Amino acid sequence: SVADRIGSRIIAEGLDTLEELQTLGKLGIPFGQGW
């Protein structure tokens, strides 16, 4: 929500599982990196 208001995008670091990826997608986090 803060990132949206200031015009930033979030990168989630350390994604290891599909469940983490799915949850972040539901939360509207657009980018990720990890194993």
PDB file of all heavy atoms in Angstrom:
ATOM      1  N   SER A   1       0.822  -1.198   0.000  1.00  0.00           N
ATOM      2  CA  SER A   1       0.000   0.000   0.000  1.00  0.00           C
ATOM      3  C   SER A   1       0.867   1.263   0.000  1.00  0.00           C
ATOM      4  O   SER A   1       0.610   2.198  -0.754  1.00  0.00           O
ATOM      5  CB  SER A   1      -0.935  -0.010   1.209  1.00  0.00           C
ATOM      6  OG  SER A   1      -1.701   1.154   1.254  1.00  0.00           O
ATOM      7  N   VAL A   2       1.894   1.264   0.833  1.00  0.00           N
ATOM      8  CA  VAL A   2       2.821   2.408   0.865  1.00  0.00           C
ATOM      9  C   VAL A   2       3.539   2.536  -0.478  1.00  0.00           C
ATOM     10  O   VAL A   2       3.652   3.635  -1.036  1.00  0.00           O
ATOM     11  CB  VAL A   2       3.835   2.260   2.016  1.00  0.00           C
ATOM     12  CG1 VAL A   2       4.935   3.305   1.914  1.00  0.00           C
ATOM     13  CG2 VAL A   2       3.135   2.355   3.362  1.00  0.00           C
ATOM     14  N   ALA A   3       4.029   1.419  -0.997  1.00  0.00           N
ATOM     15  CA  ALA A   3       4.736   1.443  -2.283  1.00  0.00           C
ATOM     16  C   ALA A   3       3.840   1.996  -3.388  1.00  0.00           C
ATOM     17  O   ALA A   3       4.293   2.806  -4.212  1.00  0.00           O
ATOM     18  CB  ALA A   3       5.218   0.041  -2.644  1.00  0.00           C
ATOM     19  N   ASP A   4       2.591   1.594  -3.405  1.00  0.00           N
ATOM     20  CA  ASP A   4       1.650   2.110  -4.405  1.00  0.00           C
ATOM     21  C   ASP A   4       1.516   3.632  -4.305  1.00  0.00           C
ATOM     22  O   ASP A   4       1.504   4.333  -5.319  1.00  0.00           O
ATOM     23  CB  ASP A   4       0.272   1.473  -4.244  1.00  0.00           C
ATOM     24  CG  ASP A   4       0.235   0.007  -4.652  1.00  0.00           C
ATOM     25  OD1 ASP A   4       1.196  -0.471  -5.293  1.00  0.00           O
ATOM     26  OD2 ASP A   4      -0.763  -0.665  -4.310  1.00  0.00           O
ATOM     27  N   ARG A   5       1.443   4.121  -3.081  1.00  0.00           N
ATOM     28  CA  ARG A   5       1.254   5.565  -2.885  1.00  0.00           C
ATOM     29  C   ARG A   5       2.470   6.394  -3.271  1.00  0.00           C
ATOM     30  O   ARG A   5       2.318   7.547  -3.653  1.00  0.00           O
ATOM     31  CB  ARG A   5       0.858   5.857  -1.446  1.00  0.00           C
ATOM     32  CG  ARG A   5      -0.621   5.549  -1.210  1.00  0.00           C
ATOM     33  CD  ARG A   5      -1.046   5.937   0.172  1.00  0.00           C
ATOM     34  NE  ARG A   5      -1.059   4.689   0.929  1.00  0.00           N
ATOM     35  CZ  ARG A   5      -0.764   4.542   2.193  1.00  0.00           C
ATOM     36  NH1 ARG A   5      -0.430   5.575   2.921  1.00  0.00           N
ATOM     37  NH2 ARG A   5      -0.800   3.371   2.767  1.00  0.00           N
ATOM     38  N   ILE A   6       3.665   5.812  -3.171  1.00  0.00           N
ATOM     39  CA  ILE A   6       4.864   6.588  -3.518  1.00  0.00           C
ATOM     40  C   ILE A   6       5.410   6.235  -4.901  1.00  0.00           C
ATOM     41  O   ILE A   6       6.460   6.721  -5.302  1.00  0.00           O
ATOM     42  CB  ILE A   6       5.973   6.436  -2.453  1.00  0.00           C
ATOM     43  CG1 ILE A   6       6.498   5.004  -2.379  1.00  0.00           C
ATOM     44  CG2 ILE A   6       5.484   6.919  -1.091  1.00  0.00           C
ATOM     45  CD1 ILE A   6       7.719   4.838  -1.480  1.00  0.00           C
ATOM     46  N   GLY A   7       4.690   5.379  -5.624  1.00  0.00           N
ATOM     47  CA  GLY A   7       5.087   5.041  -6.989  1.00  0.00           C
ATOM     48  C   GLY A   7       6.230   4.044  -7.088  1.00  0.00           C
ATOM     49  O   GLY A   7       6.981   4.064  -8.058  1.00  0.00           O
ATOM     50  N   SER A   8       6.360   3.176  -6.091  1.00  0.00           N
ATOM     51  CA  SER A   8       7.405   2.150  -6.094  1.00  0.00           C
ATOM     52  C   SER A   8       6.791   0.775  -6.317  1.00  0.00           C
ATOM     53  O   SER A   8       5.601   0.579  -6.109  1.00  0.00           O
ATOM     54  CB  SER A   8       8.143   2.135  -4.748  1.00  0.00           C
ATOM     55  OG  SER A   8       8.812   3.336  -4.524  1.00  0.00           O
ATOM     56  N   ARG A   9       7.632  -0.156  -6.732  1.00  0.00           N
ATOM     57  CA  ARG A   9       7.203  -1.541  -6.883  1.00  0.00           C
ATOM     58  C   ARG A   9       8.042  -2.410  -5.961  1.00  0.00           C
ATOM     59  O   ARG A   9       9.196  -2.103  -5.685  1.00  0.00           O
ATOM     60  CB  ARG A   9       7.340  -1.986  -8.335  1.00  0.00           C
ATOM     61  CG  ARG A   9       6.352  -1.215  -9.228  1.00  0.00           C
ATOM     62  CD  ARG A   9       6.500  -1.574 -10.652  1.00  0.00           C
ATOM     63  NE  ARG A   9       7.717  -0.918 -11.159  1.00  0.00           N
ATOM     64  CZ  ARG A   9       8.171  -1.060 -12.394  1.00  0.00           C
ATOM     65  NH1 ARG A   9       7.541  -1.824 -13.235  1.00  0.00           N
ATOM     66  NH2 ARG A   9       9.258  -0.443 -12.768  1.00  0.00           N
ATOM     67  N   ILE A  10       7.480  -3.512  -5.503  1.00  0.00           N
ATOM     68  CA  ILE A  10       8.139  -4.375  -4.531  1.00  0.00           C
ATOM     69  C   ILE A  10       8.753  -5.591  -5.216  1.00  0.00           C
ATOM     70  O   ILE A  10       8.122  -6.215  -6.078  1.00  0.00           O
ATOM     71  CB  ILE A  10       7.150  -4.824  -3.442  1.00  0.00           C
ATOM     72  CG1 ILE A  10       6.681  -3.599  -2.652  1.00  0.00           C
ATOM     73  CG2 ILE A  10       7.781  -5.870  -2.517  1.00  0.00           C
ATOM     74  CD1 ILE A  10       5.642  -3.909  -1.604  1.00  0.00           C
ATOM     75  N   ILE A  11       9.962  -5.916  -4.783  1.00  0.00           N
ATOM     76  CA  ILE A  11      10.629  -7.154  -5.181  1.00  0.00           C
ATOM     77  C   ILE A  11      10.746  -8.020  -3.920  1.00  0.00           C
ATOM     78  O   ILE A  11      11.351  -7.603  -2.936  1.00  0.00           O
ATOM     79  CB  ILE A  11      12.046  -6.891  -5.733  1.00  0.00           C
ATOM     80  CG1 ILE A  11      11.995  -5.968  -6.943  1.00  0.00           C
ATOM     81  CG2 ILE A  11      12.726  -8.228  -6.087  1.00  0.00           C
ATOM     82  CD1 ILE A  11      13.367  -5.497  -7.407  1.00  0.00           C
ATOM     83  N   ALA A  12      10.160  -9.187  -3.942  1.00  0.00           N
ATOM     84  CA  ALA A  12      10.243 -10.116  -2.816  1.00  0.00           C
ATOM     85  C   ALA A  12      11.444 -11.030  -3.031  1.00  0.00           C
ATOM     86  O   ALA A  12      11.563 -11.686  -4.065  1.00  0.00           O
ATOM     87  CB  ALA A  12       8.972 -10.941  -2.701  1.00  0.00           C
ATOM     88  N   GLU A  13      12.324 -11.058  -2.056  1.00  0.00           N
ATOM     89  CA  GLU A  13      13.560 -11.820  -2.148  1.00  0.00           C
ATOM     90  C   GLU A  13      13.424 -13.156  -1.414  1.00  0.00           C
ATOM     91  O   GLU A  13      12.766 -13.241  -0.387  1.00  0.00           O
ATOM     92  CB  GLU A  13      14.671 -10.986  -1.495  1.00  0.00           C
ATOM     93  CG  GLU A  13      16.038 -11.574  -1.570  1.00  0.00           C
ATOM     94  CD  GLU A  13      17.051 -10.667  -0.907  1.00  0.00           C
ATOM     95  OE1 GLU A  13      16.878 -10.325   0.273  1.00  0.00           O
ATOM     96  OE2 GLU A  13      18.009 -10.282  -1.589  1.00  0.00           O
ATOM     97  N   GLY A  14      14.046 -14.191  -1.959  1.00  0.00           N
ATOM     98  CA  GLY A  14      14.118 -15.464  -1.266  1.00  0.00           C
ATOM     99  C   GLY A  14      12.922 -16.381  -1.457  1.00  0.00           C
ATOM    100  O   GLY A  14      12.602 -17.166  -0.564  1.00  0.00           O
ATOM    101  N   LEU A  15      12.285 -16.300  -2.611  1.00  0.00           N
ATOM    102  CA  LEU A  15      11.159 -17.200  -2.881  1.00  0.00           C
ATOM    103  C   LEU A  15      11.667 -18.621  -3.086  1.00  0.00           C
ATOM    104  O   LEU A  15      12.491 -18.873  -3.954  1.00  0.00           O
ATOM    105  CB  LEU A  15      10.411 -16.753  -4.144  1.00  0.00           C
ATOM    106  CG  LEU A  15       9.424 -15.623  -3.942  1.00  0.00           C
ATOM    107  CD1 LEU A  15       9.150 -14.916  -5.239  1.00  0.00           C
ATOM    108  CD2 LEU A  15       8.174 -16.164  -3.334  1.00  0.00           C
ATOM    109  N   ASP A  16      11.170 -19.537  -2.267  1.00  0.00           N
ATOM    110  CA  ASP A  16      11.601 -20.920  -2.352  1.00  0.00           C
ATOM    111  C   ASP A  16      10.494 -21.887  -2.756  1.00  0.00           C
ATOM    112  O   ASP A  16      10.777 -22.966  -3.246  1.00  0.00           O
ATOM    113  CB  ASP A  16      12.170 -21.386  -1.011  1.00  0.00           C
ATOM    114  CG  ASP A  16      13.463 -20.670  -0.644  1.00  0.00           C
ATOM    115  OD1 ASP A  16      14.204 -20.251  -1.560  1.00  0.00           O
ATOM    116  OD2 ASP A  16      13.730 -20.524   0.557  1.00  0.00           O
ATOM    117  N   THR A  17       9.231 -21.519  -2.533  1.00  0.00           N
ATOM    118  CA  THR A  17       8.130 -22.459  -2.776  1.00  0.00           C
ATOM    119  C   THR A  17       7.028 -21.833  -3.623  1.00  0.00           C
ATOM    120  O   THR A  17       6.869 -20.610  -3.656  1.00  0.00           O
ATOM    121  CB  THR A  17       7.507 -22.936  -1.448  1.00  0.00           C
ATOM    122  OG1 THR A  17       6.820 -21.836  -0.839  1.00  0.00           O
ATOM    123  CG2 THR A  17       8.553 -23.503  -0.506  1.00  0.00           C
ATOM    124  N   LEU A  18       6.277 -22.702  -4.274  1.00  0.00           N
ATOM    125  CA  LEU A  18       5.120 -22.236  -5.042  1.00  0.00           C
ATOM    126  C   LEU A  18       4.075 -21.582  -4.137  1.00  0.00           C
ATOM    127  O   LEU A  18       3.414 -20.629  -4.536  1.00  0.00           O
ATOM    128  CB  LEU A  18       4.485 -23.391  -5.809  1.00  0.00           C
ATOM    129  CG  LEU A  18       5.246 -23.878  -7.042  1.00  0.00           C
ATOM    130  CD1 LEU A  18       4.591 -25.130  -7.606  1.00  0.00           C
ATOM    131  CD2 LEU A  18       5.316 -22.787  -8.096  1.00  0.00           C
ATOM    132  N   GLU A  19       3.953 -22.085  -2.912  1.00  0.00           N
ATOM    133  CA  GLU A  19       2.979 -21.521  -1.971  1.00  0.00           C
ATOM    134  C   GLU A  19       3.332 -20.076  -1.617  1.00  0.00           C
ATOM    135  O   GLU A  19       2.451 -19.215  -1.535  1.00  0.00           O
ATOM    136  CB  GLU A  19       2.903 -22.380  -0.705  1.00  0.00           C
ATOM    137  CG  GLU A  19       2.310 -23.758  -0.917  1.00  0.00           C
ATOM    138  CD  GLU A  19       3.297 -24.779  -1.489  1.00  0.00           C
ATOM    139  OE1 GLU A  19       4.508 -24.509  -1.553  1.00  0.00           O
ATOM    140  OE2 GLU A  19       2.826 -25.864  -1.885  1.00  0.00           O
ATOM    141  N   GLU A  20       4.619 -19.808  -1.430  1.00  0.00           N
ATOM    142  CA  GLU A  20       5.048 -18.426  -1.176  1.00  0.00           C
ATOM    143  C   GLU A  20       4.726 -17.549  -2.380  1.00  0.00           C
ATOM    144  O   GLU A  20       4.201 -16.440  -2.238  1.00  0.00           O
ATOM    145  CB  GLU A  20       6.555 -18.376  -0.882  1.00  0.00           C
ATOM    146  CG  GLU A  20       6.942 -19.012   0.427  1.00  0.00           C
ATOM    147  CD  GLU A  20       8.433 -19.237   0.581  1.00  0.00           C
ATOM    148  OE1 GLU A  20       9.188 -19.148  -0.416  1.00  0.00           O
ATOM    149  OE2 GLU A  20       8.846 -19.512   1.716  1.00  0.00           O
ATOM    150  N   LEU A  21       5.021 -18.046  -3.582  1.00  0.00           N
ATOM    151  CA  LEU A  21       4.750 -17.308  -4.812  1.00  0.00           C
ATOM    152  C   LEU A  21       3.262 -17.008  -4.955  1.00  0.00           C
ATOM    153  O   LEU A  21       2.867 -15.875  -5.261  1.00  0.00           O
ATOM    154  CB  LEU A  21       5.255 -18.094  -6.015  1.00  0.00           C
ATOM    155  CG  LEU A  21       4.994 -17.483  -7.385  1.00  0.00           C
ATOM    156  CD1 LEU A  21       5.728 -16.162  -7.550  1.00  0.00           C
ATOM    157  CD2 LEU A  21       5.389 -18.458  -8.480  1.00  0.00           C
ATOM    158  N   GLN A  22       2.424 -17.996  -4.721  1.00  0.00           N
ATOM    159  CA  GLN A  22       0.975 -17.809  -4.841  1.00  0.00           C
ATOM    160  C   GLN A  22       0.471 -16.778  -3.837  1.00  0.00           C
ATOM    161  O   GLN A  22      -0.363 -15.922  -4.169  1.00  0.00           O
ATOM    162  CB  GLN A  22       0.250 -19.141  -4.654  1.00  0.00           C
ATOM    163  CG  GLN A  22       0.482 -20.099  -5.793  1.00  0.00           C
ATOM    164  CD  GLN A  22      -0.003 -21.504  -5.485  1.00  0.00           C
ATOM    165  OE1 GLN A  22      -0.164 -21.895  -4.326  1.00  0.00           O
ATOM    166  NE2 GLN A  22      -0.217 -22.285  -6.542  1.00  0.00           N
ATOM    167  N   THR A  23       0.965 -16.858  -2.615  1.00  0.00           N
ATOM    168  CA  THR A  23       0.538 -15.905  -1.581  1.00  0.00           C
ATOM    169  C   THR A  23       0.955 -14.491  -1.945  1.00  0.00           C
ATOM    170  O   THR A  23       0.159 -13.556  -1.832  1.00  0.00           O
ATOM    171  CB  THR A  23       1.119 -16.304  -0.211  1.00  0.00           C
ATOM    172  OG1 THR A  23       0.641 -17.612   0.118  1.00  0.00           O
ATOM    173  CG2 THR A  23       0.713 -15.321   0.867  1.00  0.00           C
ATOM    174  N   LEU A  24       2.192 -14.320  -2.406  1.00  0.00           N
ATOM    175  CA  LEU A  24       2.656 -12.992  -2.797  1.00  0.00           C
ATOM    176  C   LEU A  24       1.847 -12.457  -3.977  1.00  0.00           C
ATOM    177  O   LEU A  24       1.542 -11.267  -4.035  1.00  0.00           O
ATOM    178  CB  LEU A  24       4.146 -13.021  -3.126  1.00  0.00           C
ATOM    179  CG  LEU A  24       5.040 -13.232  -1.904  1.00  0.00           C
ATOM    180  CD1 LEU A  24       6.459 -13.569  -2.342  1.00  0.00           C
ATOM    181  CD2 LEU A  24       5.035 -12.010  -1.000  1.00  0.00           C
ATOM    182  N   GLY A  25       1.477 -13.338  -4.890  1.00  0.00           N
ATOM    183  CA  GLY A  25       0.633 -12.925  -6.005  1.00  0.00           C
ATOM    184  C   GLY A  25      -0.718 -12.418  -5.534  1.00  0.00           C
ATOM    185  O   GLY A  25      -1.215 -11.399  -6.002  1.00  0.00           O
ATOM    186  N   LYS A  26      -1.305 -13.113  -4.574  1.00  0.00           N
ATOM    187  CA  LYS A  26      -2.585 -12.678  -4.010  1.00  0.00           C
ATOM    188  C   LYS A  26      -2.460 -11.342  -3.284  1.00  0.00           C
ATOM    189  O   LYS A  26      -3.417 -10.574  -3.203  1.00  0.00           O
ATOM    190  CB  LYS A  26      -3.130 -13.735  -3.050  1.00  0.00           C
ATOM    191  CG  LYS A  26      -3.596 -14.993  -3.738  1.00  0.00           C
ATOM    192  CD  LYS A  26      -4.016 -16.045  -2.732  1.00  0.00           C
ATOM    193  CE  LYS A  26      -4.326 -17.361  -3.422  1.00  0.00           C
ATOM    194  NZ  LYS A  26      -4.590 -18.446  -2.467  1.00  0.00           N
ATOM    195  N   LEU A  27      -1.263 -11.078  -2.734  1.00  0.00           N
ATOM    196  CA  LEU A  27      -1.027  -9.808  -2.032  1.00  0.00           C
ATOM    197  C   LEU A  27      -0.668  -8.673  -2.990  1.00  0.00           C
ATOM    198  O   LEU A  27      -0.506  -7.538  -2.561  1.00  0.00           O
ATOM    199  CB  LEU A  27       0.104  -9.985  -1.002  1.00  0.00           C
ATOM    200  CG  LEU A  27      -0.199 -10.917   0.164  1.00  0.00           C
ATOM    201  CD1 LEU A  27       1.057 -11.149   0.991  1.00  0.00           C
ATOM    202  CD2 LEU A  27      -1.313 -10.350   1.031  1.00  0.00           C
ATOM    203  N   GLY A  28      -0.526  -8.985  -4.268  1.00  0.00           N
ATOM    204  CA  GLY A  28      -0.230  -7.957  -5.257  1.00  0.00           C
ATOM    205  C   GLY A  28       1.237  -7.578  -5.354  1.00  0.00           C
ATOM    206  O   GLY A  28       1.564  -6.490  -5.833  1.00  0.00           O
ATOM    207  N   ILE A  29       2.123  -8.468  -4.925  1.00  0.00           N
ATOM    208  CA  ILE A  29       3.560  -8.211  -5.029  1.00  0.00           C
ATOM    209  C   ILE A  29       3.992  -8.641  -6.432  1.00  0.00           C
ATOM    210  O   ILE A  29       3.900  -9.818  -6.785  1.00  0.00           O
ATOM    211  CB  ILE A  29       4.346  -8.993  -3.947  1.00  0.00           C
ATOM    212  CG1 ILE A  29       3.777  -8.727  -2.553  1.00  0.00           C
ATOM    213  CG2 ILE A  29       5.834  -8.672  -4.042  1.00  0.00           C
ATOM    214  CD1 ILE A  29       3.806  -7.286  -2.110  1.00  0.00           C
ATOM    215  N   PRO A  30       4.481  -7.695  -7.263  1.00  0.00           N
ATOM    216  CA  PRO A  30       4.676  -7.993  -8.681  1.00  0.00           C
ATOM    217  C   PRO A  30       5.975  -8.693  -9.066  1.00  0.00           C
ATOM    218  O   PRO A  30       6.046  -9.289 -10.131  1.00  0.00           O
ATOM    219  CB  PRO A  30       4.625  -6.612  -9.333  1.00  0.00           C
ATOM    220  CG  PRO A  30       5.135  -5.689  -8.282  1.00  0.00           C
ATOM    221  CD  PRO A  30       4.660  -6.274  -6.981  1.00  0.00           C
ATOM    222  N   PHE A  31       7.011  -8.637  -8.229  1.00  0.00           N
ATOM    223  CA  PHE A  31       8.307  -9.196  -8.604  1.00  0.00           C
ATOM    224  C   PHE A  31       8.876 -10.056  -7.487  1.00  0.00           C
ATOM    225  O   PHE A  31       8.623  -9.802  -6.315  1.00  0.00           O
ATOM    226  CB  PHE A  31       9.320  -8.077  -8.907  1.00  0.00           C
ATOM    227  CG  PHE A  31       8.913  -7.185 -10.030  1.00  0.00           C
ATOM    228  CD1 PHE A  31       8.365  -5.946  -9.767  1.00  0.00           C
ATOM    229  CD2 PHE A  31       9.076  -7.576 -11.350  1.00  0.00           C
ATOM    230  CE1 PHE A  31       7.982  -5.111 -10.792  1.00  0.00           C
ATOM    231  CE2 PHE A  31       8.687  -6.744 -12.386  1.00  0.00           C
ATOM    232  CZ  PHE A  31       8.137  -5.514 -12.111  1.00  0.00           C
ATOM    233  N   GLY A  32       9.667 -11.062  -7.884  1.00  0.00           N
ATOM    234  CA  GLY A  32      10.309 -11.906  -6.901  1.00  0.00           C
ATOM    235  C   GLY A  32      11.574 -12.517  -7.454  1.00  0.00           C
ATOM    236  O   GLY A  32      11.794 -12.550  -8.659  1.00  0.00           O
ATOM    237  N   GLN A  33      12.393 -12.978  -6.530  1.00  0.00           N
ATOM    238  CA  GLN A  33      13.601 -13.697  -6.907  1.00  0.00           C
ATOM    239  C   GLN A  33      13.851 -14.761  -5.857  1.00  0.00           C
ATOM    240  O   GLN A  33      13.388 -14.642  -4.730  1.00  0.00           O
ATOM    241  CB  GLN A  33      14.791 -12.760  -7.025  1.00  0.00           C
ATOM    242  CG  GLN A  33      15.215 -12.119  -5.713  1.00  0.00           C
ATOM    243  CD  GLN A  33      16.355 -11.140  -5.890  1.00  0.00           C
ATOM    244  OE1 GLN A  33      16.197 -10.156  -6.579  1.00  0.00           O
ATOM    245  NE2 GLN A  33      17.473 -11.430  -5.260  1.00  0.00           N
ATOM    246  N   GLY A  34      14.563 -15.805  -6.257  1.00  0.00           N
ATOM    247  CA  GLY A  34      14.871 -16.862  -5.308  1.00  0.00           C
ATOM    248  C   GLY A  34      15.114 -18.189  -5.990  1.00  0.00           C
ATOM    249  O   GLY A  34      15.031 -18.311  -7.218  1.00  0.00           O
ATOM    250  N   TRP A  35      15.382 -19.191  -5.169  1.00  0.00           N
ATOM    251  CA  TRP A  35      15.674 -20.524  -5.666  1.00  0.00           C
ATOM    252  C   TRP A  35      14.524 -21.113  -6.472  1.00  0.00           C
ATOM    253  O   TRP A  35      14.740 -21.980  -7.318  1.00  0.00           O
ATOM    254  CB  TRP A  35      16.019 -21.458  -4.507  1.00  0.00           C
ATOM    255  CG  TRP A  35      17.375 -21.208  -3.941  1.00  0.00           C
ATOM    256  CD1 TRP A  35      17.660 -20.522  -2.784  1.00  0.00           C
ATOM    257  CD2 TRP A  35      18.625 -21.608  -4.487  1.00  0.00           C
ATOM    258  NE1 TRP A  35      19.014 -20.483  -2.588  1.00  0.00           N
ATOM    259  CE2 TRP A  35      19.633 -21.145  -3.624  1.00  0.00           C
ATOM    260  CE3 TRP A  35      18.991 -22.304  -5.628  1.00  0.00           C
ATOM    261  CZ2 TRP A  35      20.976 -21.361  -3.866  1.00  0.00           C
ATOM    262  CZ3 TRP A  35      20.333 -22.525  -5.858  1.00  0.00           C
ATOM    263  CH2 TRP A  35      21.311 -22.063  -4.988  1.00  0.00           C
TER     264      TRP A  35
END
